[in-house]
N, C-alpha and C. Protein backbone atom coordinates (compact mmCIF):
# COMPACT_ATOMS: atom_id res chain seq x y z
N MET A 1 0.82 -1.19 0.00
CA MET A 1 0.00 0.00 0.00
C MET A 1 0.86 1.25 0.00
N LYS A 2 1.95 1.17 0.81
CA LYS A 2 2.85 2.32 0.84
C LYS A 2 3.48 2.54 -0.52
N LYS A 3 3.80 1.45 -1.16
CA LYS A 3 4.42 1.56 -2.46
C LYS A 3 3.45 2.19 -3.47
N LYS A 4 2.17 1.84 -3.36
CA LYS A 4 1.15 2.37 -4.25
C LYS A 4 0.99 3.87 -4.02
N LYS A 5 0.98 4.31 -2.76
CA LYS A 5 0.88 5.73 -2.44
C LYS A 5 2.11 6.48 -2.95
N TYR A 6 3.25 5.80 -2.80
CA TYR A 6 4.48 6.42 -3.27
C TYR A 6 4.45 6.61 -4.79
N LEU A 7 3.99 5.60 -5.52
CA LEU A 7 3.89 5.69 -6.98
C LEU A 7 2.87 6.76 -7.40
N ILE A 8 1.76 6.84 -6.68
CA ILE A 8 0.75 7.87 -6.98
C ILE A 8 1.36 9.25 -6.73
N GLY A 9 2.12 9.41 -5.67
CA GLY A 9 2.78 10.68 -5.36
C GLY A 9 3.78 11.06 -6.43
N VAL A 10 4.57 10.10 -6.87
CA VAL A 10 5.55 10.35 -7.92
C VAL A 10 4.84 10.71 -9.22
N LEU A 11 3.76 9.95 -9.50
CA LEU A 11 2.99 10.22 -10.73
C LEU A 11 2.37 11.62 -10.68
N VAL A 12 1.83 12.01 -9.55
CA VAL A 12 1.25 13.36 -9.40
C VAL A 12 2.34 14.41 -9.57
N CYS A 13 3.51 14.18 -9.00
CA CYS A 13 4.63 15.12 -9.14
C CYS A 13 5.06 15.24 -10.60
N ILE A 14 5.13 14.11 -11.30
CA ILE A 14 5.52 14.14 -12.72
C ILE A 14 4.47 14.89 -13.53
N ILE A 15 3.19 14.60 -13.28
CA ILE A 15 2.12 15.30 -13.99
C ILE A 15 2.17 16.80 -13.68
N GLY A 16 2.38 17.13 -12.41
CA GLY A 16 2.49 18.53 -12.01
C GLY A 16 3.67 19.21 -12.71
N LEU A 17 4.79 18.50 -12.77
CA LEU A 17 5.98 19.04 -13.44
C LEU A 17 5.71 19.25 -14.94
N ILE A 18 5.02 18.30 -15.55
CA ILE A 18 4.67 18.43 -16.97
C ILE A 18 3.75 19.63 -17.18
N ILE A 19 2.78 19.81 -16.30
CA ILE A 19 1.86 20.96 -16.41
C ILE A 19 2.63 22.27 -16.25
N VAL A 20 3.55 22.34 -15.31
CA VAL A 20 4.34 23.56 -15.10
C VAL A 20 5.22 23.83 -16.32
N ILE A 21 5.86 22.81 -16.83
CA ILE A 21 6.72 22.99 -18.01
C ILE A 21 5.87 23.41 -19.21
N TRP A 22 4.74 22.75 -19.42
CA TRP A 22 3.86 23.10 -20.54
C TRP A 22 3.33 24.53 -20.39
N GLY A 23 2.92 24.91 -19.18
CA GLY A 23 2.45 26.27 -18.92
C GLY A 23 3.55 27.30 -19.16
N SER A 24 4.75 27.00 -18.71
CA SER A 24 5.88 27.91 -18.92
C SER A 24 6.16 28.06 -20.41
N TYR A 25 6.07 26.94 -21.14
CA TYR A 25 6.29 26.99 -22.59
C TYR A 25 5.24 27.85 -23.27
N LYS A 26 3.99 27.71 -22.86
CA LYS A 26 2.91 28.52 -23.44
C LYS A 26 3.10 30.00 -23.12
N ILE A 27 3.50 30.31 -21.90
CA ILE A 27 3.77 31.70 -21.53
C ILE A 27 4.92 32.25 -22.38
N TYR A 28 5.95 31.45 -22.56
CA TYR A 28 7.08 31.85 -23.39
C TYR A 28 6.64 32.08 -24.83
N GLN A 29 5.81 31.18 -25.36
CA GLN A 29 5.30 31.34 -26.73
C GLN A 29 4.50 32.64 -26.86
N ASN A 30 3.65 32.92 -25.89
CA ASN A 30 2.85 34.15 -25.93
C ASN A 30 3.73 35.40 -25.84
N MET A 31 4.75 35.33 -25.00
CA MET A 31 5.66 36.46 -24.89
C MET A 31 6.39 36.71 -26.21
N MET A 32 6.82 35.65 -26.85
CA MET A 32 7.53 35.79 -28.12
C MET A 32 6.59 36.31 -29.21
N ALA A 33 5.35 35.83 -29.21
CA ALA A 33 4.37 36.32 -30.19
C ALA A 33 4.07 37.80 -29.95
N ASP A 34 3.94 38.17 -28.68
CA ASP A 34 3.68 39.57 -28.34
C ASP A 34 4.87 40.44 -28.72
N GLN A 35 6.07 39.95 -28.48
CA GLN A 35 7.28 40.68 -28.84
C GLN A 35 7.37 40.86 -30.36
N ALA A 36 7.03 39.82 -31.11
CA ALA A 36 7.07 39.90 -32.58
C ALA A 36 6.02 40.89 -33.07
N LYS A 37 4.84 40.86 -32.46
CA LYS A 37 3.77 41.80 -32.85
C LYS A 37 4.19 43.24 -32.54
N THR A 38 4.79 43.45 -31.38
CA THR A 38 5.25 44.78 -31.00
C THR A 38 6.34 45.26 -31.97
N GLU A 39 7.24 44.38 -32.35
CA GLU A 39 8.30 44.74 -33.28
C GLU A 39 7.70 45.10 -34.65
N GLU A 40 6.70 44.35 -35.07
CA GLU A 40 6.03 44.64 -36.34
C GLU A 40 5.36 46.01 -36.29
N GLN A 41 4.67 46.30 -35.18
CA GLN A 41 4.02 47.60 -35.01
C GLN A 41 5.06 48.71 -34.98
N LYS A 42 6.18 48.44 -34.36
CA LYS A 42 7.26 49.43 -34.30
C LYS A 42 7.78 49.73 -35.70
N GLN A 43 7.97 48.70 -36.50
CA GLN A 43 8.46 48.89 -37.87
C GLN A 43 7.43 49.65 -38.71
N GLU A 44 6.13 49.38 -38.49
CA GLU A 44 5.08 50.12 -39.19
C GLU A 44 5.12 51.59 -38.80
N PHE A 45 5.32 51.86 -37.51
CA PHE A 45 5.42 53.24 -37.04
C PHE A 45 6.62 53.92 -37.69
N ILE A 46 7.75 53.25 -37.67
CA ILE A 46 8.97 53.83 -38.24
C ILE A 46 8.76 54.15 -39.72
N LYS A 47 8.11 53.25 -40.45
CA LYS A 47 7.84 53.49 -41.87
C LYS A 47 6.93 54.71 -42.04
N SER A 48 5.87 54.81 -41.25
CA SER A 48 4.97 55.97 -41.34
C SER A 48 5.71 57.25 -40.98
N TYR A 49 6.54 57.20 -39.97
CA TYR A 49 7.27 58.39 -39.56
C TYR A 49 8.31 58.79 -40.62
N GLN A 50 8.92 57.80 -41.28
CA GLN A 50 9.86 58.12 -42.36
C GLN A 50 9.11 58.80 -43.51
N ASP A 51 7.91 58.30 -43.83
CA ASP A 51 7.09 58.94 -44.86
C ASP A 51 6.76 60.38 -44.45
N PHE A 52 6.45 60.56 -43.17
CA PHE A 52 6.16 61.90 -42.65
C PHE A 52 7.38 62.79 -42.79
N ASN A 53 8.55 62.26 -42.44
CA ASN A 53 9.79 63.05 -42.54
C ASN A 53 10.10 63.44 -43.98
N GLU A 54 9.78 62.55 -44.92
CA GLU A 54 9.97 62.90 -46.33
C GLU A 54 9.09 64.10 -46.70
N MET A 55 7.89 64.12 -46.13
CA MET A 55 6.99 65.27 -46.36
C MET A 55 7.60 66.55 -45.77
N VAL A 56 8.21 66.43 -44.61
CA VAL A 56 8.83 67.60 -43.97
C VAL A 56 10.00 68.10 -44.83
N VAL A 57 10.80 67.20 -45.35
CA VAL A 57 11.92 67.60 -46.21
C VAL A 57 11.38 68.28 -47.47
N ASN A 58 10.36 67.69 -48.07
CA ASN A 58 9.74 68.26 -49.27
C ASN A 58 9.16 69.64 -48.96
N LEU A 59 8.52 69.76 -47.80
CA LEU A 59 7.96 71.04 -47.37
C LEU A 59 9.06 72.08 -47.26
N ASN A 60 10.17 71.71 -46.65
CA ASN A 60 11.28 72.66 -46.48
C ASN A 60 11.86 73.09 -47.82
N GLN A 61 11.93 72.16 -48.76
CA GLN A 61 12.43 72.53 -50.08
C GLN A 61 11.50 73.54 -50.75
N GLN A 62 10.20 73.29 -50.66
CA GLN A 62 9.23 74.23 -51.25
C GLN A 62 9.25 75.56 -50.50
N LYS A 63 9.32 75.46 -49.19
CA LYS A 63 9.31 76.66 -48.34
C LYS A 63 10.50 77.55 -48.67
N ASN A 64 11.65 76.96 -48.90
CA ASN A 64 12.86 77.74 -49.18
C ASN A 64 12.84 78.39 -50.56
N ARG A 65 11.98 77.93 -51.43
CA ARG A 65 11.86 78.55 -52.76
C ARG A 65 11.05 79.84 -52.71
N PHE A 66 10.23 80.02 -51.68
CA PHE A 66 9.28 81.13 -51.66
C PHE A 66 9.93 82.50 -51.37
N PRO A 67 10.66 82.69 -50.28
CA PRO A 67 11.19 84.02 -49.95
C PRO A 67 12.05 84.67 -51.04
N PRO A 68 12.90 83.91 -51.73
CA PRO A 68 13.71 84.58 -52.77
C PRO A 68 12.87 85.21 -53.89
N LEU A 69 11.66 84.74 -54.07
CA LEU A 69 10.81 85.33 -55.11
C LEU A 69 10.44 86.77 -54.79
N PHE A 70 10.52 87.13 -53.52
CA PHE A 70 10.19 88.49 -53.11
C PHE A 70 11.38 89.45 -53.27
N ASP A 71 12.54 88.87 -53.49
CA ASP A 71 13.71 89.71 -53.74
C ASP A 71 13.56 90.33 -55.12
N ASP A 72 13.80 91.59 -55.21
CA ASP A 72 13.73 92.32 -56.48
C ASP A 72 12.41 92.14 -57.22
N VAL A 73 11.32 92.09 -56.47
CA VAL A 73 10.01 91.97 -57.11
C VAL A 73 9.54 93.38 -57.49
N TYR A 74 9.09 93.50 -58.72
CA TYR A 74 8.57 94.78 -59.22
C TYR A 74 7.15 94.54 -59.71
N TYR A 75 6.34 95.55 -59.55
CA TYR A 75 4.96 95.41 -60.01
C TYR A 75 4.89 95.11 -61.50
N THR A 76 5.81 95.63 -62.24
CA THR A 76 5.78 95.44 -63.70
C THR A 76 6.06 93.99 -64.10
N THR A 77 6.73 93.24 -63.24
CA THR A 77 7.06 91.85 -63.55
C THR A 77 6.39 90.87 -62.59
N LEU A 78 5.49 91.36 -61.80
CA LEU A 78 4.85 90.52 -60.78
C LEU A 78 4.05 89.38 -61.37
N LYS A 79 3.42 89.59 -62.48
CA LYS A 79 2.61 88.54 -63.10
C LYS A 79 3.44 87.28 -63.33
N ASP A 80 4.67 87.44 -63.79
CA ASP A 80 5.53 86.28 -64.03
C ASP A 80 5.87 85.55 -62.73
N LYS A 81 6.19 86.31 -61.71
CA LYS A 81 6.57 85.70 -60.44
C LYS A 81 5.35 85.15 -59.68
N SER A 82 4.20 85.76 -59.88
CA SER A 82 3.03 85.33 -59.11
C SER A 82 2.62 83.90 -59.45
N SER A 83 2.78 83.48 -60.69
CA SER A 83 2.42 82.10 -61.04
C SER A 83 3.32 81.10 -60.32
N GLU A 84 4.60 81.44 -60.19
CA GLU A 84 5.50 80.55 -59.45
C GLU A 84 5.17 80.58 -57.95
N MET A 85 4.83 81.74 -57.44
CA MET A 85 4.44 81.85 -56.03
C MET A 85 3.20 81.01 -55.75
N ILE A 86 2.22 81.09 -56.65
CA ILE A 86 1.00 80.31 -56.46
C ILE A 86 1.29 78.82 -56.56
N GLU A 87 2.17 78.45 -57.46
CA GLU A 87 2.55 77.04 -57.57
C GLU A 87 3.16 76.55 -56.26
N ILE A 88 4.03 77.34 -55.67
CA ILE A 88 4.66 76.95 -54.40
C ILE A 88 3.62 76.86 -53.30
N LEU A 89 2.72 77.84 -53.23
CA LEU A 89 1.67 77.80 -52.21
C LEU A 89 0.77 76.59 -52.38
N ASN A 90 0.43 76.25 -53.62
CA ASN A 90 -0.36 75.04 -53.87
C ASN A 90 0.39 73.79 -53.46
N ASN A 91 1.69 73.75 -53.77
CA ASN A 91 2.52 72.61 -53.36
C ASN A 91 2.56 72.49 -51.84
N LEU A 92 2.72 73.62 -51.17
CA LEU A 92 2.74 73.60 -49.70
C LEU A 92 1.41 73.09 -49.14
N GLN A 93 0.32 73.54 -49.72
CA GLN A 93 -1.00 73.06 -49.27
C GLN A 93 -1.12 71.55 -49.45
N GLN A 94 -0.69 71.06 -50.59
CA GLN A 94 -0.78 69.62 -50.85
C GLN A 94 0.11 68.83 -49.89
N ILE A 95 1.30 69.33 -49.64
CA ILE A 95 2.20 68.65 -48.72
C ILE A 95 1.59 68.62 -47.32
N ILE A 96 1.02 69.72 -46.88
CA ILE A 96 0.41 69.77 -45.55
C ILE A 96 -0.79 68.82 -45.49
N HIS A 97 -1.54 68.75 -46.57
CA HIS A 97 -2.65 67.79 -46.62
C HIS A 97 -2.11 66.36 -46.45
N ASN A 98 -1.04 66.04 -47.16
CA ASN A 98 -0.43 64.71 -47.05
C ASN A 98 0.14 64.48 -45.64
N MET A 99 0.68 65.53 -45.05
CA MET A 99 1.19 65.42 -43.68
C MET A 99 0.04 65.08 -42.72
N HIS A 100 -1.11 65.68 -42.94
CA HIS A 100 -2.28 65.37 -42.11
C HIS A 100 -2.72 63.93 -42.29
N THR A 101 -2.68 63.44 -43.52
CA THR A 101 -3.08 62.06 -43.79
C THR A 101 -2.15 61.10 -43.04
N ILE A 102 -0.86 61.32 -43.17
CA ILE A 102 0.09 60.47 -42.45
C ILE A 102 -0.02 60.71 -40.95
N GLY A 103 -0.29 61.97 -40.58
CA GLY A 103 -0.48 62.29 -39.16
C GLY A 103 -1.62 61.52 -38.54
N ASN A 104 -2.70 61.30 -39.31
CA ASN A 104 -3.82 60.50 -38.80
C ASN A 104 -3.39 59.07 -38.52
N GLU A 105 -2.56 58.51 -39.40
CA GLU A 105 -2.01 57.17 -39.16
C GLU A 105 -1.15 57.18 -37.90
N LEU A 106 -0.33 58.21 -37.77
CA LEU A 106 0.55 58.30 -36.59
C LEU A 106 -0.27 58.47 -35.32
N ASP A 107 -1.39 59.21 -35.40
CA ASP A 107 -2.27 59.35 -34.24
C ASP A 107 -2.69 57.98 -33.71
N LEU A 108 -3.11 57.13 -34.63
CA LEU A 108 -3.55 55.79 -34.22
C LEU A 108 -2.40 55.00 -33.61
N LYS A 109 -1.24 55.13 -34.21
CA LYS A 109 -0.08 54.37 -33.73
C LYS A 109 0.46 54.94 -32.42
N CYS A 110 0.30 56.24 -32.23
CA CYS A 110 0.81 56.87 -31.01
C CYS A 110 -0.15 56.71 -29.83
N SER A 111 -1.35 56.23 -30.08
CA SER A 111 -2.29 56.02 -28.98
C SER A 111 -1.86 54.85 -28.11
N LYS A 112 -0.97 54.03 -28.63
CA LYS A 112 -0.41 52.91 -27.87
C LYS A 112 0.72 53.42 -26.98
N GLU A 113 0.89 52.81 -25.84
CA GLU A 113 2.00 53.17 -24.94
C GLU A 113 3.26 52.47 -25.44
N TRP A 114 4.27 53.28 -25.79
CA TRP A 114 5.51 52.73 -26.34
C TRP A 114 6.61 52.78 -25.29
N ASN A 115 7.41 51.72 -25.24
CA ASN A 115 8.57 51.69 -24.35
C ASN A 115 9.79 52.35 -25.00
N ASP A 116 9.77 52.46 -26.31
CA ASP A 116 10.88 53.03 -27.06
C ASP A 116 10.85 54.56 -26.95
N SER A 117 11.92 55.14 -26.42
CA SER A 117 11.95 56.59 -26.19
C SER A 117 11.95 57.38 -27.50
N LEU A 118 12.56 56.84 -28.54
CA LEU A 118 12.58 57.54 -29.83
C LEU A 118 11.16 57.62 -30.41
N ILE A 119 10.42 56.56 -30.30
CA ILE A 119 9.03 56.57 -30.81
C ILE A 119 8.20 57.55 -29.99
N ARG A 120 8.37 57.55 -28.69
CA ARG A 120 7.62 58.51 -27.85
C ARG A 120 7.95 59.94 -28.24
N LYS A 121 9.21 60.21 -28.50
CA LYS A 121 9.63 61.56 -28.93
C LYS A 121 9.02 61.91 -30.28
N ASN A 122 9.04 60.97 -31.20
CA ASN A 122 8.45 61.21 -32.52
C ASN A 122 6.94 61.43 -32.43
N CYS A 123 6.30 60.72 -31.52
CA CYS A 123 4.86 60.91 -31.31
C CYS A 123 4.56 62.33 -30.83
N GLU A 124 5.44 62.88 -30.05
CA GLU A 124 5.25 64.24 -29.55
C GLU A 124 5.58 65.29 -30.62
N SER A 125 6.54 64.98 -31.48
CA SER A 125 7.05 66.01 -32.38
C SER A 125 6.28 66.16 -33.69
N TYR A 126 5.63 65.12 -34.18
CA TYR A 126 5.03 65.25 -35.50
C TYR A 126 3.88 66.26 -35.51
N LYS A 127 3.13 66.35 -34.42
CA LYS A 127 2.04 67.34 -34.36
C LYS A 127 2.60 68.76 -34.39
N THR A 128 3.72 68.96 -33.72
CA THR A 128 4.38 70.26 -33.74
C THR A 128 4.82 70.61 -35.15
N ASN A 129 5.35 69.63 -35.87
CA ASN A 129 5.78 69.87 -37.24
C ASN A 129 4.61 70.28 -38.14
N ILE A 130 3.48 69.63 -37.96
CA ILE A 130 2.30 69.98 -38.76
C ILE A 130 1.85 71.40 -38.42
N ALA A 131 1.81 71.73 -37.15
CA ALA A 131 1.37 73.08 -36.73
C ALA A 131 2.33 74.14 -37.28
N GLN A 132 3.62 73.88 -37.24
CA GLN A 132 4.59 74.83 -37.78
C GLN A 132 4.42 74.99 -39.29
N ALA A 133 4.17 73.88 -39.97
CA ALA A 133 3.97 73.95 -41.42
C ALA A 133 2.74 74.78 -41.76
N GLU A 134 1.67 74.60 -40.99
CA GLU A 134 0.46 75.38 -41.24
C GLU A 134 0.70 76.87 -40.98
N GLU A 135 1.47 77.18 -39.96
CA GLU A 135 1.78 78.59 -39.67
C GLU A 135 2.61 79.21 -40.79
N ILE A 136 3.56 78.45 -41.30
CA ILE A 136 4.39 78.94 -42.41
C ILE A 136 3.52 79.22 -43.62
N LEU A 137 2.62 78.28 -43.93
CA LEU A 137 1.73 78.47 -45.08
C LEU A 137 0.86 79.71 -44.88
N LYS A 138 0.30 79.87 -43.70
CA LYS A 138 -0.53 81.06 -43.43
C LYS A 138 0.28 82.34 -43.61
N GLU A 139 1.50 82.32 -43.11
CA GLU A 139 2.38 83.50 -43.23
C GLU A 139 2.67 83.81 -44.69
N TYR A 140 2.98 82.78 -45.47
CA TYR A 140 3.28 82.98 -46.88
C TYR A 140 2.06 83.47 -47.66
N ILE A 141 0.90 82.91 -47.35
CA ILE A 141 -0.33 83.36 -48.02
C ILE A 141 -0.60 84.82 -47.68
N LYS A 142 -0.42 85.15 -46.41
CA LYS A 142 -0.65 86.53 -45.99
C LYS A 142 0.34 87.48 -46.70
N LYS A 143 1.58 87.07 -46.78
CA LYS A 143 2.59 87.89 -47.44
C LYS A 143 2.27 88.05 -48.93
N TYR A 144 1.89 86.96 -49.57
CA TYR A 144 1.54 87.01 -50.99
C TYR A 144 0.31 87.89 -51.21
N ASN A 145 -0.72 87.69 -50.43
CA ASN A 145 -1.95 88.47 -50.60
C ASN A 145 -1.73 89.96 -50.31
N HIS A 146 -0.87 90.25 -49.36
CA HIS A 146 -0.53 91.65 -49.08
C HIS A 146 0.17 92.28 -50.29
N LEU A 147 1.06 91.52 -50.90
CA LEU A 147 1.75 92.00 -52.10
C LEU A 147 0.74 92.25 -53.22
N ILE A 148 -0.21 91.35 -53.38
CA ILE A 148 -1.21 91.50 -54.44
C ILE A 148 -2.12 92.69 -54.15
N GLU A 149 -2.46 92.90 -52.89
CA GLU A 149 -3.27 94.08 -52.52
C GLU A 149 -2.55 95.38 -52.89
N SER A 150 -1.28 95.45 -52.56
CA SER A 150 -0.53 96.67 -52.89
C SER A 150 -0.36 96.80 -54.40
N TYR A 151 -0.20 95.67 -55.08
CA TYR A 151 -0.12 95.68 -56.55
C TYR A 151 -1.43 96.22 -57.14
N GLU A 152 -2.55 95.74 -56.63
CA GLU A 152 -3.85 96.18 -57.14
C GLU A 152 -4.06 97.68 -56.90
N GLU A 153 -3.57 98.18 -55.80
CA GLU A 153 -3.64 99.64 -55.55
C GLU A 153 -2.81 100.38 -56.61
N TRP A 154 -1.62 99.89 -56.85
CA TRP A 154 -0.75 100.49 -57.87
C TRP A 154 -1.38 100.36 -59.25
N ARG A 155 -2.02 99.22 -59.50
CA ARG A 155 -2.62 98.94 -60.81
C ARG A 155 -3.77 99.90 -61.13
N LYS A 156 -4.40 100.46 -60.13
CA LYS A 156 -5.49 101.42 -60.37
C LYS A 156 -4.98 102.60 -61.21
N GLU A 157 -3.75 102.94 -61.03
CA GLU A 157 -3.14 104.05 -61.79
C GLU A 157 -2.43 103.54 -63.04
N ASN A 158 -2.18 102.25 -63.11
CA ASN A 158 -1.44 101.65 -64.23
C ASN A 158 -2.26 100.48 -64.78
N GLN A 159 -3.35 100.78 -65.39
CA GLN A 159 -4.31 99.75 -65.79
C GLN A 159 -3.86 98.88 -66.95
N GLU A 160 -2.76 99.21 -67.56
CA GLU A 160 -2.30 98.37 -68.67
C GLU A 160 -1.72 97.04 -68.18
N TYR A 161 -1.49 96.92 -66.88
CA TYR A 161 -0.97 95.68 -66.31
C TYR A 161 -2.13 94.76 -65.93
N PRO A 162 -1.89 93.44 -66.01
CA PRO A 162 -2.98 92.48 -65.79
C PRO A 162 -3.40 92.40 -64.32
N ASN A 163 -4.62 91.98 -64.15
CA ASN A 163 -5.14 91.72 -62.82
C ASN A 163 -4.50 90.42 -62.30
N ILE A 164 -4.16 90.41 -61.02
CA ILE A 164 -3.60 89.21 -60.39
C ILE A 164 -4.48 88.87 -59.19
N SER A 165 -4.90 87.65 -59.11
CA SER A 165 -5.80 87.23 -58.03
C SER A 165 -5.01 86.88 -56.77
N LYS A 166 -5.70 87.10 -55.65
CA LYS A 166 -5.13 86.68 -54.37
C LYS A 166 -5.18 85.16 -54.27
N PHE A 167 -4.45 84.64 -53.34
CA PHE A 167 -4.45 83.20 -53.09
C PHE A 167 -5.55 82.89 -52.10
N GLU A 168 -6.37 81.95 -52.43
CA GLU A 168 -7.49 81.58 -51.53
C GLU A 168 -7.18 80.32 -50.80
């Protein structure tokens, strides 16, 4: 009888050990799957943020083309420069629209709590970049429209020059 109890005890210990090992293996599998999923999400975030950064670089290139157009601007030649100015303003609007589209993706991805400090920093900075881009566009539109207003005042006395529309 003692031997039977001993065998039952050993069998229970072996079964218990198997359950613990199997449970530990399952926990390990879940941790690895979670880690792989987190890494995949991280790579998706990085790709979206790289796309966003490309928009920022493109925005800066367009932005830097605008101020030099105001150098040596004369009312008599404004019509030629105004088409390029409007093209740049349209490009800036499109880039900002694209930044918002990517920003919406980043919003979803940033709603998750990230352990990676670089991702947390990027989550904080992209909204600032969009706000700064919008302010730059507003400033450029205001500057362009002010120039057109003064041109139209001058044009009242010099009607042989074409009408130039403000940027809307």
